[in-house]
Amino acid sequence: MKFDGFISVEHEPGDPPIETGTDWDAVAALTDEEIAAAVADDPDAAPIPVYDTPGLIHIPNVKKLRERLGLTQEAFAATYRIPIGTLRDWEQCRKRPDAPARAYLTVIARDPEAVAGLLGEAA
């Protein structure tokens, strides 16, 4: 059999996940700094300069942010005054946050307590 660079795998919906030998718990435990270091050490995984590349934009991972903060969808939506339907659309990739929403999510990610506090004072 000649190897042409492609591997074919038959996998039907509902089949158990394909065993890859990947320790997903270890992957999930990596910090952003560890991931950046691993990418920098791998010449085949050169990072894409998001802000310097025309057409590419950074889209915050809303679900990961919410889970990092330990909040349910309802609590996150209420705390940061985001309509629950909008939050769910973002998390399920049905819609992407527009530019102002991306900026807001970036601010939340950097200082969630300050944003929540300021919104609480404005109530």
Protein backbone atom coordinates (compact mmCIF):
# COMPACT_ATOMS: atom_id res chain seq x y z
CA MET A 1 0.00 0.00 0.00
CA LYS A 2 1.36 3.39 -0.99
CA PHE A 3 1.10 6.17 1.59
CA ASP A 4 -0.13 9.33 -0.08
CA GLY A 5 -0.30 11.49 3.06
CA PHE A 6 -3.94 10.77 3.85
CA ILE A 7 -5.40 8.43 6.43
CA SER A 8 -8.96 7.21 6.03
CA VAL A 9 -11.02 6.37 9.10
CA GLU A 10 -14.61 5.19 9.08
CA HIS A 11 -16.51 6.61 12.03
CA GLU A 12 -20.28 6.74 12.28
CA PRO A 13 -22.31 9.08 14.49
CA GLY A 14 -22.76 7.46 17.89
CA ASP A 15 -19.59 5.36 17.59
CA PRO A 16 -17.25 5.70 20.58
CA PRO A 17 -14.45 8.25 20.13
CA ILE A 18 -11.42 7.06 18.20
CA GLU A 19 -8.55 6.25 20.56
CA THR A 20 -5.67 8.59 19.84
CA GLY A 21 -3.55 8.09 22.94
CA THR A 22 -3.95 11.79 23.77
CA ASP A 23 -4.16 12.61 27.47
CA TRP A 24 -6.98 15.17 27.19
CA ASP A 25 -6.92 15.93 30.93
CA ALA A 26 -3.28 17.00 30.57
CA VAL A 27 -4.14 19.07 27.50
CA ALA A 28 -7.02 20.80 29.30
CA ALA A 29 -4.73 21.57 32.26
CA LEU A 30 -2.22 23.52 30.13
CA THR A 31 -1.99 27.23 30.83
CA ASP A 32 -1.95 29.78 28.03
CA GLU A 33 1.75 30.33 28.71
CA GLU A 34 2.51 26.59 28.39
CA ILE A 35 0.56 26.40 25.14
CA ALA A 36 2.41 29.44 23.76
CA ALA A 37 5.76 27.89 24.74
CA ALA A 38 4.85 24.57 23.09
CA VAL A 39 3.79 26.33 19.90
CA ALA A 40 6.97 28.41 19.87
CA ASP A 41 9.06 25.22 20.20
CA ASP A 42 7.29 23.51 17.27
CA PRO A 43 8.35 24.83 13.86
CA ASP A 44 5.33 23.12 12.26
CA ALA A 45 2.90 25.00 14.50
CA ALA A 46 3.83 28.59 13.74
CA PRO A 47 1.25 30.91 15.26
CA ILE A 48 -0.89 33.00 12.98
CA PRO A 49 -0.42 36.69 13.84
CA VAL A 50 -4.11 37.43 14.33
CA TYR A 51 -3.96 41.21 14.54
CA ASP A 52 -1.37 41.61 11.78
CA THR A 53 -3.03 39.37 9.21
CA PRO A 54 -5.73 40.96 7.03
CA GLY A 55 -9.02 39.13 7.28
CA LEU A 56 -8.27 37.35 10.58
CA ILE A 57 -9.87 38.49 13.80
CA HIS A 58 -9.60 37.23 17.35
CA ILE A 59 -12.89 35.76 18.57
CA PRO A 60 -12.92 35.13 22.32
CA ASN A 61 -13.97 31.63 23.36
CA VAL A 62 -17.03 32.63 25.36
CA LYS A 63 -17.73 29.16 26.75
CA LYS A 64 -14.15 28.74 27.96
CA LEU A 65 -14.26 32.22 29.55
CA ARG A 66 -17.55 31.48 31.30
CA GLU A 67 -16.31 28.10 32.55
CA ARG A 68 -13.04 29.65 33.77
CA LEU A 69 -15.13 32.06 35.84
CA GLY A 70 -17.17 29.14 37.21
CA LEU A 71 -20.49 30.58 36.07
CA THR A 72 -23.54 28.99 34.51
CA GLN A 73 -24.85 30.46 31.28
CA GLU A 74 -27.64 32.14 33.23
CA ALA A 75 -25.27 33.62 35.83
CA PHE A 76 -22.77 34.85 33.23
CA ALA A 77 -25.54 36.41 31.14
CA ALA A 78 -27.05 38.13 34.17
CA THR A 79 -23.73 39.32 35.62
CA TYR A 80 -22.50 40.85 32.37
CA ARG A 81 -25.93 41.84 30.99
CA ILE A 82 -25.73 39.72 27.88
CA PRO A 83 -29.02 38.28 26.59
CA ILE A 84 -29.04 34.54 27.34
CA GLY A 85 -30.00 33.69 23.75
CA THR A 86 -27.06 35.70 22.44
CA LEU A 87 -24.67 33.95 24.84
CA ARG A 88 -25.96 30.55 23.77
CA ASP A 89 -25.63 31.47 20.09
CA TRP A 90 -22.00 32.47 20.68
CA GLU A 91 -21.19 29.34 22.67
CA GLN A 92 -22.79 27.04 20.11
CA CYS A 93 -21.11 28.92 17.21
CA ARG A 94 -24.43 29.78 15.61
CA LYS A 95 -23.32 33.41 15.65
CA ARG A 96 -20.06 35.24 16.26
CA PRO A 97 -19.69 38.27 18.51
CA ASP A 98 -19.46 41.51 16.53
CA ALA A 99 -16.56 43.96 17.09
CA PRO A 100 -18.05 45.75 20.14
CA ALA A 101 -19.01 42.41 21.73
CA ARG A 102 -15.50 41.03 21.11
CA ALA A 103 -14.04 44.10 22.81
CA TYR A 104 -16.45 43.71 25.74
CA LEU A 105 -15.61 40.01 26.11
CA THR A 106 -11.90 40.84 26.04
CA VAL A 107 -12.39 43.33 28.88
CA ILE A 108 -14.40 40.74 30.85
CA ALA A 109 -11.62 38.19 30.33
CA ARG A 110 -8.96 40.60 31.60
CA ASP A 111 -10.79 41.83 34.72
CA PRO A 112 -14.12 40.06 35.28
CA GLU A 113 -14.55 41.32 38.85
CA ALA A 114 -14.11 44.97 37.86
CA VAL A 115 -16.62 44.69 35.03
CA ALA A 116 -19.16 42.93 37.26
CA GLY A 117 -18.59 45.53 39.97
CA LEU A 118 -19.07 48.47 37.62
CA LEU A 119 -22.22 46.95 36.17
CA GLY A 120 -23.53 46.28 39.69
CA GLU A 121 -22.96 49.93 40.64
CA ALA A 122 -24.85 51.08 37.54
CA ALA A 123 -27.94 49.03 38.37
